[in-house]
Amino acid sequence: MDTSTVPQPQGARPRRPEPTTLVHTTRFHAARRPAAVAVICEGRTLTYGELHRVSNRMAHALRAAGLGEGDRVAYLGKESEHYYEALFACAKTGAVLVPVNWRLAAPEVSHILQDSGTRLLFLEDEFAPIVAAMPTRPPETVVPVGSITAWRAGHPDGETEFEATPDTPVAQLYTSGTTGLPKGVVLAHRSFFAIRDALASRGLDWIDWRQGDIALIGIPGFHVGGLWWATQNLNAGATIVALRAFAARQAVDLIRDLGITTACVVPAMLRMMLTEPGVGPRDFTTLRKTVYGGSPVSEALLEQSLAVLDCEFAQIYGLTETGNTAVCLPPAAHVPGSPLMRAAGRPYPGVRVKTIDGRGRELPPGAVGEVCLRTPARMVEYWGLPERTARTLVDGWIHTGDAGYLDEDGHVFIHDRIKDAILVAGENVYPAEIENVLERHPAVGEAVVIGVPDERWGERVHAFVVPAAGARPSRRDLHTFLVPRLAAFKLPADYEFTDHLPRNPSGKILRRELRDRYWRDSARQVN
């Protein structure tokens, strides 16, 4: 059988059967709504009937190329309908899709292809020079993305014989690699269904996906947030609008012109859209819900977004290792001025959260420690790294490396990455706290805080500041602003003004790049 009934609260009307693995997704919707549009990209459309047939053909083509269950298939290219065809083809073959960050350099791409043992690579022509420059040989089979239609032609469009279970691996995503070599996080089909089922089991609409929705996919598919958001909407039979690469002006125009109803973005994308010239509330009238996460958001930016977009907002928190989101701040909690606006949220039904100290002991509410998450969407493993897997996945708990605390009601508050904590004369200082206050200053567009070496105190606080448009804040202005708002040991010792901050493709600040000049010659590396 390819469907199941999601458990319901007592007295609730039973839900209709729905897909339970990605093998079932296109089959389910193609049988019921074959003409409904599944994917829009650069004006091209692909219906559910077409997506089902072409992914079947591609699955048979993969089988004909000698690939089967457990084999790795990589995709190096920007977002397009072909990316989703490859995803479902891998699911129907039992192969594991390895999306590759197209902004990486040749040695980094080489590491991912070699580490994963990729046997077949779908490659866009634009990135062929990267593969050519790799220090290692490319996979045994390379299929140009522009030739996919011809490559799969001649293969049948009927069902494959492979049937996945919720625990069958289907994707292997590499962590951003801001420190050390990136690790391959293996995710099973359940990672793309568990949270949907958890919300449905309690009748919650913190995040919801509806037929008729048109969803913006702005986060790249090599990031778990982009892949997860796309699959949630496709599982629900919605239409996804895939951006080749995020561009703020294009995103705003698509929201307005296509009547987009839902979006999943990182805070940097919100900031970029809101600062586009001429953008205002009229551009977002069709949006009903915006889901955001992936990096800390300042209260000032969030309040501006609530006012301009004028729709429901839901914040999500999790890691690639947790199968994306494990904690959510639902729309009802998004009340300007509420203390909960600083929370990451609360766990979904069936997800557990705890904080622990350095010896692994669970901490009481209010005490800052490492946040640990237990979720049915959690990863299978780090590919080929059993020792690293054992350190991160302990008795079913994902140790996040994030520092935070729980309040009495179970809300999760994240301070920062534990490794990003700044130790000033024995006091832990968490950059996000300072950044949130700095960004309240009207002349500050964005702020990032790091620790730099200090002979007397061990470390001192150093702030990078991107001025707001047309503003020229001074060090004295910022210091005067912070003094009544922060403890003295948290105040930046210096400010560095810049017009941009380094980011990875998912929008996260590359703090390592900012730190390098200060720590490169130090005997002790803070990160």
Protein backbone atom coordinates (compact mmCIF):
# COMPACT_ATOMS: atom_id res chain seq x y z
CA MET A 1 0.00 0.00 0.00
CA ASP A 2 1.19 3.52 -0.72
CA THR A 3 -0.93 5.42 1.77
CA SER A 4 -1.75 5.48 5.45
CA THR A 5 -3.99 7.36 7.82
CA VAL A 6 -2.31 9.92 10.07
CA PRO A 7 -3.31 9.46 13.75
CA GLN A 8 -5.92 11.98 14.90
CA PRO A 9 -6.95 13.34 18.29
CA GLN A 10 -10.01 11.68 19.80
CA GLY A 11 -13.19 12.88 18.13
CA ALA A 12 -11.42 14.43 15.13
CA ARG A 13 -12.62 13.64 11.63
CA PRO A 14 -10.25 11.09 10.02
CA ARG A 15 -7.84 12.55 7.49
CA ARG A 16 -7.76 11.17 4.00
CA PRO A 17 -4.85 8.84 3.19
CA GLU A 18 -1.61 10.61 2.34
CA PRO A 19 1.90 9.69 1.13
CA THR A 20 4.19 8.15 3.73
CA THR A 21 7.48 8.07 1.76
CA LEU A 22 8.81 10.10 -1.16
CA VAL A 23 8.26 7.01 -3.34
CA HIS A 24 4.53 7.55 -2.79
CA THR A 25 4.37 11.34 -3.21
CA THR A 26 4.16 11.74 -6.98
CA ARG A 27 2.20 8.49 -7.36
CA PHE A 28 -0.42 9.73 -4.92
CA HIS A 29 -1.00 13.14 -6.49
CA ALA A 30 -0.63 11.98 -10.10
CA ALA A 31 -3.48 9.52 -9.52
CA ARG A 32 -5.77 12.17 -8.04
CA ARG A 33 -4.77 15.53 -9.57
CA PRO A 34 -2.49 14.85 -12.55
CA ALA A 35 -3.02 18.31 -14.10
CA ALA A 36 -2.21 20.23 -10.92
CA VAL A 37 1.05 22.19 -11.17
CA ALA A 38 3.82 20.78 -9.00
CA VAL A 39 6.83 22.94 -9.94
CA ILE A 40 7.31 26.36 -11.50
CA CYS A 41 10.82 27.50 -12.39
CA GLU A 42 11.67 30.46 -14.64
CA GLY A 43 8.20 30.31 -16.16
CA ARG A 44 8.35 26.58 -16.93
CA THR A 45 5.73 24.36 -15.28
CA LEU A 46 5.67 20.69 -14.42
CA THR A 47 2.41 19.03 -13.37
CA TYR A 48 2.14 16.21 -10.86
CA GLY A 49 1.34 13.81 -13.67
CA GLU A 50 4.44 14.90 -15.57
CA LEU A 51 6.64 14.85 -12.46
CA HIS A 52 5.53 11.30 -11.74
CA ARG A 53 6.19 10.05 -15.26
CA VAL A 54 9.55 11.77 -15.80
CA SER A 55 10.88 10.73 -12.39
CA ASN A 56 9.80 7.16 -13.22
CA ARG A 57 11.74 7.36 -16.48
CA MET A 58 14.76 8.73 -14.66
CA ALA A 59 14.53 5.97 -12.04
CA HIS A 60 14.57 3.34 -14.80
CA ALA A 61 17.50 5.17 -16.42
CA LEU A 62 19.40 5.05 -13.11
CA ARG A 63 18.72 1.32 -12.89
CA ALA A 64 19.93 0.87 -16.48
CA ALA A 65 23.13 2.72 -15.52
CA GLY A 66 23.72 0.09 -12.83
CA LEU A 67 22.60 2.06 -9.79
CA GLY A 68 20.47 0.58 -7.07
CA GLU A 69 19.62 0.76 -3.40
CA GLY A 70 22.18 2.65 -1.35
CA ASP A 71 24.14 4.05 -4.30
CA ARG A 72 24.92 7.77 -4.16
CA VAL A 73 23.76 10.12 -6.91
CA ALA A 74 25.02 13.71 -6.71
CA TYR A 75 23.45 16.85 -8.17
CA LEU A 76 25.64 19.90 -8.81
CA GLY A 77 23.48 22.67 -10.19
CA LYS A 78 21.12 25.46 -9.27
CA GLU A 79 17.45 24.91 -8.53
CA SER A 80 15.28 23.68 -11.41
CA GLU A 81 12.56 21.15 -12.10
CA HIS A 82 15.33 18.65 -12.91
CA TYR A 83 16.52 18.74 -9.29
CA TYR A 84 13.13 17.50 -8.07
CA GLU A 85 12.94 14.93 -10.85
CA ALA A 86 16.29 13.59 -9.62
CA LEU A 87 15.10 13.55 -6.00
CA PHE A 88 12.05 11.43 -6.74
CA ALA A 89 13.96 9.24 -9.19
CA CYS A 90 16.47 8.41 -6.46
CA ALA A 91 13.63 7.66 -4.03
CA LYS A 92 12.05 5.28 -6.54
CA THR A 93 15.38 3.56 -7.17
CA GLY A 94 16.53 3.30 -3.58
CA ALA A 95 19.50 5.53 -4.38
CA VAL A 96 20.52 8.41 -2.11
CA LEU A 97 20.59 11.95 -3.50
CA VAL A 98 23.65 14.03 -2.59
CA PRO A 99 22.92 17.71 -3.35
CA VAL A 100 26.19 19.64 -3.76
CA ASN A 101 26.60 23.28 -2.86
CA TRP A 102 27.34 24.93 -6.20
CA ARG A 103 29.26 27.77 -4.55
CA LEU A 104 32.01 25.49 -3.30
CA ALA A 105 35.51 25.42 -4.73
CA ALA A 106 36.88 22.43 -6.64
CA PRO A 107 38.67 20.80 -3.64
CA GLU A 108 35.49 21.08 -1.54
CA VAL A 109 33.33 19.55 -4.26
CA SER A 110 35.93 16.83 -4.68
CA HIS A 111 35.72 16.01 -0.97
CA ILE A 112 31.93 15.58 -1.10
CA LEU A 113 31.98 13.41 -4.21
CA GLN A 114 34.81 11.25 -2.86
CA ASP A 115 33.49 11.03 0.69
CA SER A 116 29.99 10.04 -0.44
CA GLY A 117 31.24 7.54 -3.00
CA THR A 118 29.08 9.17 -5.66
CA ARG A 119 28.71 6.94 -8.72
CA LEU A 120 26.65 9.26 -10.94
CA LEU A 121 26.73 13.04 -11.07
CA PHE A 122 24.10 15.31 -12.60
CA LEU A 123 26.12 18.39 -13.59
CA GLU A 124 25.06 21.77 -14.93
CA ASP A 125 27.37 23.10 -17.64
CA GLU A 126 28.00 26.25 -15.61
CA PHE A 127 29.84 24.19 -12.99
CA ALA A 128 31.73 21.86 -15.29
CA PRO A 129 34.97 23.89 -14.81
CA ILE A 130 34.79 23.17 -11.06
CA VAL A 131 34.62 19.43 -11.68
CA ALA A 132 37.42 19.71 -14.25
CA ALA A 133 39.61 21.45 -11.66
CA MET A 134 39.06 18.85 -8.95
CA PRO A 135 42.21 17.17 -7.63
CA THR A 136 40.45 13.79 -7.97
CA ARG A 137 38.72 12.00 -10.81
CA PRO A 138 35.01 12.70 -11.33
CA PRO A 139 32.41 9.96 -10.74
CA GLU A 140 32.23 7.13 -13.27
CA THR A 141 29.11 8.60 -14.89
CA VAL A 142 28.47 12.32 -15.45
CA VAL A 143 25.13 13.38 -16.95
CA PRO A 144 24.83 17.03 -18.05
CA VAL A 145 21.65 18.53 -16.61
CA GLY A 146 20.90 20.01 -20.02
CA SER A 147 20.86 16.49 -21.47
CA ILE A 148 18.67 14.84 -18.83
CA THR A 149 15.63 14.72 -21.13
CA ALA A 150 17.59 12.88 -23.82
CA TRP A 151 19.36 10.68 -21.26
CA ARG A 152 16.14 9.32 -19.81
CA ALA A 153 14.31 9.09 -23.16
CA GLY A 154 13.46 5.57 -24.22
CA HIS A 155 13.01 4.33 -20.67
CA PRO A 156 9.53 3.35 -19.46
CA ASP A 157 7.44 5.75 -17.40
CA GLY A 158 5.78 3.01 -15.34
CA GLU A 159 6.34 2.26 -11.68
CA THR A 160 9.60 0.83 -10.42
CA GLU A 161 9.52 -2.23 -8.20
CA PHE A 162 11.35 -0.54 -5.32
CA GLU A 163 9.33 0.24 -2.17
CA ALA A 164 10.95 2.28 0.57
CA THR A 165 10.23 2.19 4.28
CA PRO A 166 10.27 5.29 6.49
CA ASP A 167 13.78 4.30 7.61
CA THR A 168 15.24 3.94 4.10
CA PRO A 169 17.96 6.58 3.45
CA VAL A 170 17.01 8.99 0.66
CA ALA A 171 19.27 12.07 0.98
CA GLN A 172 22.77 12.88 2.17
CA LEU A 173 23.37 16.55 2.88
CA TYR A 174 26.74 17.98 3.78
CA THR A 175 26.98 20.40 6.65
CA SER A 176 28.16 23.88 5.76
CA GLY A 177 31.76 23.16 6.74
CA THR A 178 32.41 26.47 8.48
CA THR A 179 34.93 24.52 10.57
CA GLY A 180 36.79 21.48 9.28
CA LEU A 181 35.64 19.21 6.47
CA PRO A 182 31.88 18.98 5.96
CA LYS A 183 30.15 15.82 7.16
CA GLY A 184 27.52 13.91 5.21
CA VAL A 185 24.27 13.79 7.16
CA VAL A 186 22.20 10.80 6.05
CA LEU A 187 18.43 11.38 6.21
CA ALA A 188 15.71 8.77 5.77
CA HIS A 189 12.22 9.25 4.30
CA ARG A 190 10.82 9.74 7.82
CA SER A 191 12.76 13.01 8.11
CA PHE A 192 10.41 14.50 5.50
CA PHE A 193 7.16 13.23 7.08
CA ALA A 194 7.62 13.06 10.86
CA ILE A 195 6.88 16.70 11.69
CA ARG A 196 3.88 16.83 9.36
CA ASP A 197 2.48 13.77 11.12
CA ALA A 198 3.25 15.20 14.56
CA LEU A 199 1.33 18.40 13.82
CA ALA A 200 -1.57 16.48 12.30
CA SER A 201 -1.77 14.15 15.30
CA ARG A 202 -2.71 17.13 17.48
CA GLY A 203 -4.62 19.13 14.89
CA LEU A 204 -2.04 21.94 15.06
CA ASP A 205 -1.52 24.47 12.28
CA TRP A 206 1.71 26.05 13.54
CA ILE A 207 2.99 25.26 10.05
CA ASP A 208 0.54 23.92 7.50
CA TRP A 209 0.54 22.91 3.86
CA ARG A 210 -2.62 23.07 1.81
CA GLN A 211 -3.70 22.09 -1.67
CA GLY A 212 -3.92 25.34 -3.57
CA ASP A 213 -0.91 26.83 -1.82
CA ILE A 214 1.84 28.33 -3.97
CA ALA A 215 5.07 28.09 -2.01
CA LEU A 216 8.28 30.02 -2.57
CA ILE A 217 11.43 27.88 -2.39
CA GLY A 218 14.10 30.49 -1.75
CA ILE A 219 16.50 28.35 0.29
CA PRO A 220 18.76 26.21 -1.94
CA GLY A 221 18.08 22.49 -2.15
CA PHE A 222 21.54 21.53 -0.92
CA HIS A 223 20.44 23.04 2.41
CA VAL A 224 18.12 20.92 4.54
CA GLY A 225 15.71 23.84 4.93
CA GLY A 226 15.21 24.13 1.18
CA LEU A 227 14.83 20.40 0.61
CA TRP A 228 12.52 19.96 3.59
CA TRP A 229 10.27 22.89 2.66
CA ALA A 230 9.96 21.70 -0.94
CA THR A 231 9.08 18.14 0.06
CA GLN A 232 6.48 19.30 2.60
CA ASN A 233 4.64 21.22 -0.08
CA LEU A 234 4.95 18.49 -2.69
CA ASN A 235 3.75 15.90 -0.18
CA ALA A 236 0.69 18.11 0.36
CA GLY A 237 0.02 18.58 -3.36
CA ALA A 238 0.88 22.29 -3.36
CA THR A 239 2.75 24.18 -6.09
CA ILE A 240 6.37 25.12 -5.45
CA VAL A 241 8.09 28.05 -7.12
CA ALA A 242 11.81 27.31 -7.31
CA LEU A 243 14.28 30.18 -7.54
CA ARG A 244 17.44 29.26 -9.42
CA ALA A 245 19.29 31.25 -6.79
CA PHE A 246 17.79 33.70 -4.33
CA ALA A 247 17.53 37.28 -5.57
CA ALA A 248 15.48 39.68 -3.47
CA ARG A 249 13.90 41.64 -6.33
CA GLN A 250 12.93 38.47 -8.17
CA ALA A 251 11.47 36.94 -5.01
CA VAL A 252 9.31 39.99 -4.33
CA ASP A 253 8.10 40.08 -7.95
CA LEU A 254 7.20 36.39 -7.91
CA ILE A 255 5.31 36.70 -4.63
CA ARG A 256 3.24 39.53 -6.08
CA ASP A 257 2.78 38.26 -9.66
CA LEU A 258 2.18 34.55 -8.98
CA GLY A 259 0.07 35.05 -5.86
CA ILE A 260 2.48 33.11 -3.65
CA THR A 261 0.81 32.13 -0.37
CA THR A 262 3.65 30.66 1.71
CA ALA A 263 7.40 31.13 1.93
CA CYS A 264 10.30 29.69 3.88
CA VAL A 265 13.29 32.02 4.24
CA VAL A 266 16.32 32.78 6.35
CA PRO A 267 16.41 36.17 8.12
CA ALA A 268 18.96 37.57 5.65
CA MET A 269 16.41 37.03 2.87
CA LEU A 270 13.77 38.93 4.79
CA ARG A 271 16.20 41.81 5.26
CA MET A 272 17.14 41.86 1.57
CA MET A 273 13.51 41.85 0.40
CA LEU A 274 12.49 44.61 2.78
CA THR A 275 15.37 46.86 1.73
CA GLU A 276 14.63 46.57 -2.00
CA PRO A 277 13.68 50.03 -3.34
CA GLY A 278 9.94 50.55 -3.55
CA VAL A 279 8.96 47.34 -1.76
CA GLY A 280 5.97 47.65 0.54
CA PRO A 281 2.91 45.86 1.93
CA ARG A 282 1.15 45.78 -1.45
CA ASP A 283 3.77 43.32 -2.73
CA PHE A 284 2.84 40.70 -0.12
CA THR A 285 -0.96 40.76 -0.05
CA THR A 286 -1.31 37.09 -1.07
CA LEU A 287 1.07 35.73 1.59
CA ARG A 288 -0.75 33.88 4.37
CA LYS A 289 2.27 32.44 6.18
CA THR A 290 6.02 32.99 6.31
CA VAL A 291 8.26 30.38 7.91
CA TYR A 292 11.74 31.51 8.89
CA GLY A 293 14.82 30.07 10.58
CA GLY A 294 18.38 29.00 9.92
CA SER A 295 20.10 31.83 11.76
CA PRO A 296 19.31 34.28 14.57
CA VAL A 297 16.89 37.10 13.73
CA SER A 298 16.94 40.46 15.45
CA GLU A 299 13.76 41.64 17.12
CA ALA A 300 13.88 44.82 15.05
CA LEU A 301 13.93 42.92 11.75
CA LEU A 302 11.18 40.57 12.91
CA GLU A 303 8.91 43.43 13.95
CA GLN A 304 9.50 45.18 10.62
CA SER A 305 8.72 41.95 8.76
CA LEU A 306 5.49 41.45 10.72
CA ALA A 307 4.37 44.96 9.84
CA VAL A 308 5.23 44.90 6.12
CA LEU A 309 4.37 41.32 5.16
CA ASP A 310 1.25 41.36 7.38
CA CYS A 311 0.82 37.59 7.49
CA GLU A 312 1.28 34.77 9.96
CA PHE A 313 4.89 34.06 10.95
CA ALA A 314 6.30 30.80 12.29
CA GLN A 315 9.89 30.43 13.42
CA ILE A 316 11.55 27.02 13.13
CA TYR A 317 14.69 25.76 14.84
CA GLY A 318 16.67 22.62 14.21
CA LEU A 319 19.71 21.25 12.42
CA THR A 320 20.45 19.15 9.39
CA GLU A 321 21.04 16.40 11.94
CA THR A 322 17.48 16.75 13.29
CA GLY A 323 15.97 16.51 9.81
CA ASN A 324 15.48 20.28 9.86
CA THR A 325 12.94 21.69 12.30
CA ALA A 326 12.35 20.26 15.78
CA VAL A 327 11.13 23.38 17.57
CA CYS A 328 8.61 26.00 16.42
CA LEU A 329 7.48 29.41 17.62
CA PRO A 330 3.91 29.41 16.27
CA PRO A 331 2.12 32.41 14.80
CA ALA A 332 0.15 33.11 17.98
CA ALA A 333 3.39 33.81 19.85
CA HIS A 334 4.49 36.51 17.39
CA VAL A 335 3.31 39.49 19.40
CA PRO A 336 5.62 42.54 19.27
CA GLY A 337 7.02 43.26 22.70
CA SER A 338 6.32 39.78 24.04
CA PRO A 339 9.24 38.03 25.78
CA LEU A 340 8.47 34.99 23.61
CA MET A 341 9.66 36.90 20.56
CA ARG A 342 13.17 36.04 21.78
CA ALA A 343 12.40 32.31 21.99
CA ALA A 344 13.17 29.71 19.34
CA GLY A 345 9.84 28.13 20.20
CA ARG A 346 8.63 24.92 21.76
CA PRO A 347 9.02 21.33 20.59
CA TYR A 348 6.50 19.71 18.28
CA PRO A 349 4.38 16.87 19.65
CA GLY A 350 6.59 13.81 19.96
CA VAL A 351 9.80 15.89 20.10
CA ARG A 352 11.67 16.27 23.38
CA VAL A 353 14.17 18.94 24.45
CA LYS A 354 16.62 19.14 27.32
CA THR A 355 19.70 21.15 28.24
CA ILE A 356 22.78 19.57 29.76
CA ASP A 357 25.94 20.74 31.45
CA GLY A 358 29.48 19.82 30.48
CA ARG A 359 29.18 16.49 32.30
CA GLY A 360 25.97 15.49 30.55
CA ARG A 361 23.65 16.22 33.49
CA GLU A 362 20.19 17.59 32.69
CA LEU A 363 19.74 21.18 33.82
CA PRO A 364 16.68 22.83 35.39
CA PRO A 365 14.66 25.57 33.65
CA GLY A 366 16.58 28.82 33.27
CA ALA A 367 20.04 27.26 33.37
CA VAL A 368 22.12 27.68 30.21
CA GLY A 369 23.62 24.51 28.77
CA GLU A 370 23.87 22.51 25.57
CA VAL A 371 20.50 22.01 23.86
CA CYS A 372 19.71 18.38 23.03
CA LEU A 373 16.82 17.28 20.82
CA ARG A 374 15.08 13.92 20.50
CA THR A 375 12.99 13.80 17.33
CA PRO A 376 11.62 11.06 15.06
CA ALA A 377 13.01 13.04 12.11
CA ARG A 378 16.61 12.73 13.31
CA MET A 379 19.44 11.65 11.03
CA VAL A 380 20.47 8.07 10.43
CA GLU A 381 24.19 8.83 10.80
CA TYR A 382 27.13 10.85 9.65
CA TRP A 383 28.22 8.96 6.54
CA GLY A 384 31.37 6.94 7.23
CA LEU A 385 31.99 8.59 10.60
CA PRO A 386 30.78 6.24 13.34
CA GLU A 387 32.73 7.98 16.11
CA ARG A 388 31.38 11.42 15.18
CA THR A 389 27.90 9.92 14.92
CA ALA A 390 28.24 8.44 18.41
CA ARG A 391 29.27 11.83 19.84
CA THR A 392 26.37 13.69 18.25
CA LEU A 393 23.59 11.08 18.38
CA VAL A 394 23.59 9.76 21.96
CA ASP A 395 20.79 7.38 23.03
CA GLY A 396 18.50 8.94 20.45
CA TRP A 397 19.36 12.52 21.43
CA ILE A 398 20.98 14.94 18.99
CA HIS A 399 23.56 17.07 20.80
CA THR A 400 23.22 20.35 18.92
CA GLY A 401 26.29 22.29 20.05
CA ASP A 402 23.95 25.22 20.72
CA ALA A 403 23.85 26.97 24.08
CA GLY A 404 20.42 27.77 25.46
CA TYR A 405 17.88 27.23 28.20
CA LEU A 406 14.26 26.21 28.72
CA ASP A 407 11.69 28.29 30.55
CA GLU A 408 9.11 26.83 32.92
CA ASP A 409 6.64 26.36 30.06
CA GLY A 410 9.08 24.47 27.85
CA HIS A 411 10.01 27.27 25.47
CA VAL A 412 13.53 27.01 24.09
CA PHE A 413 15.78 30.07 24.15
CA ILE A 414 18.98 29.86 22.12
CA HIS A 415 21.95 31.97 23.15
CA ASP A 416 24.44 30.92 20.50
CA ARG A 417 26.67 28.12 19.32
CA ILE A 418 28.61 26.82 22.33
CA LYS A 419 31.81 27.18 20.32
CA ASP A 420 30.90 30.84 19.63
CA ALA A 421 30.64 31.75 23.30
CA ILE A 422 33.20 34.41 24.29
CA LEU A 423 34.99 33.85 27.59
CA VAL A 424 35.68 37.26 29.12
CA ALA A 425 37.49 36.99 32.45
CA GLY A 426 35.67 33.75 33.20
CA GLU A 427 32.24 35.03 32.13
CA ASN A 428 30.46 33.40 29.17
CA VAL A 429 29.26 36.05 26.72
CA TYR A 430 26.91 34.98 23.93
CA PRO A 431 27.21 37.07 20.75
CA ALA A 432 23.52 36.91 19.83
CA GLU A 433 22.55 38.80 22.96
CA ILE A 434 24.82 41.73 22.08
CA GLU A 435 23.88 41.62 18.40
CA ASN A 436 20.16 41.88 19.21
CA VAL A 437 20.72 44.99 21.30
CA LEU A 438 23.08 46.60 18.79
CA GLU A 439 20.57 46.12 15.99
CA ARG A 440 18.04 48.13 17.99
CA HIS A 441 20.15 51.22 17.32
CA PRO A 442 18.54 53.09 14.39
CA ALA A 443 21.89 53.61 12.66
CA VAL A 444 22.78 49.89 12.68
CA GLY A 445 21.67 47.71 9.79
CA GLU A 446 23.32 44.53 10.98
CA ALA A 447 25.81 43.49 13.65
CA VAL A 448 28.01 40.45 14.29
CA VAL A 449 30.02 39.93 17.45
CA ILE A 450 33.07 37.70 17.91
CA GLY A 451 35.68 37.13 20.57
CA VAL A 452 39.27 38.17 19.88
CA PRO A 453 42.42 37.41 21.92
CA ASP A 454 43.15 39.57 24.91
CA GLU A 455 46.25 39.12 27.06
CA ARG A 456 44.54 40.33 30.22
CA TRP A 457 41.00 38.96 29.96
CA GLY A 458 41.56 35.95 27.69
CA GLU A 459 39.11 37.32 25.13
CA ARG A 460 37.44 40.64 24.47
CA VAL A 461 34.26 41.45 22.58
CA HIS A 462 34.66 42.80 19.05
CA ALA A 463 31.68 44.01 17.00
CA PHE A 464 31.36 44.21 13.21
CA VAL A 465 28.70 46.72 12.22
CA VAL A 466 26.97 47.26 8.87
CA PRO A 467 25.47 50.77 9.05
CA ALA A 468 21.84 51.28 8.11
CA ALA A 469 21.27 52.93 4.73
CA GLY A 470 22.44 56.54 4.84
CA ALA A 471 23.66 56.28 8.44
CA ARG A 472 27.15 56.80 9.87
CA PRO A 473 27.18 55.60 13.49
CA SER A 474 30.22 56.32 15.61
CA ARG A 475 31.87 54.11 18.21
CA ARG A 476 30.87 56.61 20.89
CA ASP A 477 27.21 56.53 19.76
CA LEU A 478 27.07 52.76 19.95
CA HIS A 479 28.89 52.53 23.27
CA THR A 480 26.56 55.11 24.82
CA PHE A 481 23.56 53.18 23.50
CA LEU A 482 24.74 49.86 24.94
CA VAL A 483 25.89 50.98 28.39
CA PRO A 484 22.42 51.06 29.98
CA ARG A 485 21.34 47.89 28.18
CA LEU A 486 24.16 45.41 28.79
CA ALA A 487 26.46 44.35 31.62
CA ALA A 488 29.87 45.99 31.45
CA PHE A 489 31.71 42.75 30.64
CA LYS A 490 29.49 42.29 27.55
CA LEU A 491 30.30 45.67 26.00
CA PRO A 492 32.39 45.54 22.80
CA ALA A 493 35.95 46.72 23.28
CA ASP A 494 35.98 47.89 19.66
CA TYR A 495 33.74 48.34 16.63
CA GLU A 496 34.63 47.66 13.03
CA PHE A 497 32.42 49.19 10.33
CA THR A 498 31.93 47.28 7.09
CA ASP A 499 29.57 47.31 4.11
CA HIS A 500 29.04 43.53 4.05
CA LEU A 501 29.46 40.38 6.10
CA PRO A 502 30.66 37.00 4.77
CA ARG A 503 27.89 34.39 4.47
CA ASN A 504 27.48 30.87 3.24
CA PRO A 505 24.77 30.18 0.60
CA SER A 506 22.15 29.45 3.28
CA GLY A 507 22.61 32.94 4.73
CA LYS A 508 24.57 32.04 7.84
CA ILE A 509 27.37 34.37 8.89
CA LEU A 510 30.82 32.88 8.40
CA ARG A 511 32.18 33.88 11.79
CA ARG A 512 35.29 31.82 11.14
CA GLU A 513 36.30 34.23 8.36
CA LEU A 514 35.84 37.18 10.68
CA ARG A 515 37.87 35.51 13.42
CA ASP A 516 40.73 34.25 11.27
CA ARG A 517 42.71 37.48 11.18
CA TYR A 518 42.66 37.68 14.98
CA TRP A 519 43.23 34.02 15.85
CA ARG A 520 45.42 32.80 12.99
CA ASP A 521 48.66 33.35 14.91
CA SER A 522 47.31 32.57 18.34
CA ALA A 523 48.38 29.44 20.20
CA ARG A 524 44.77 28.93 21.34
CA GLN A 525 42.03 28.86 18.71
CA VAL A 526 38.67 29.96 20.09
CA ASN A 527 36.80 28.08 17.37
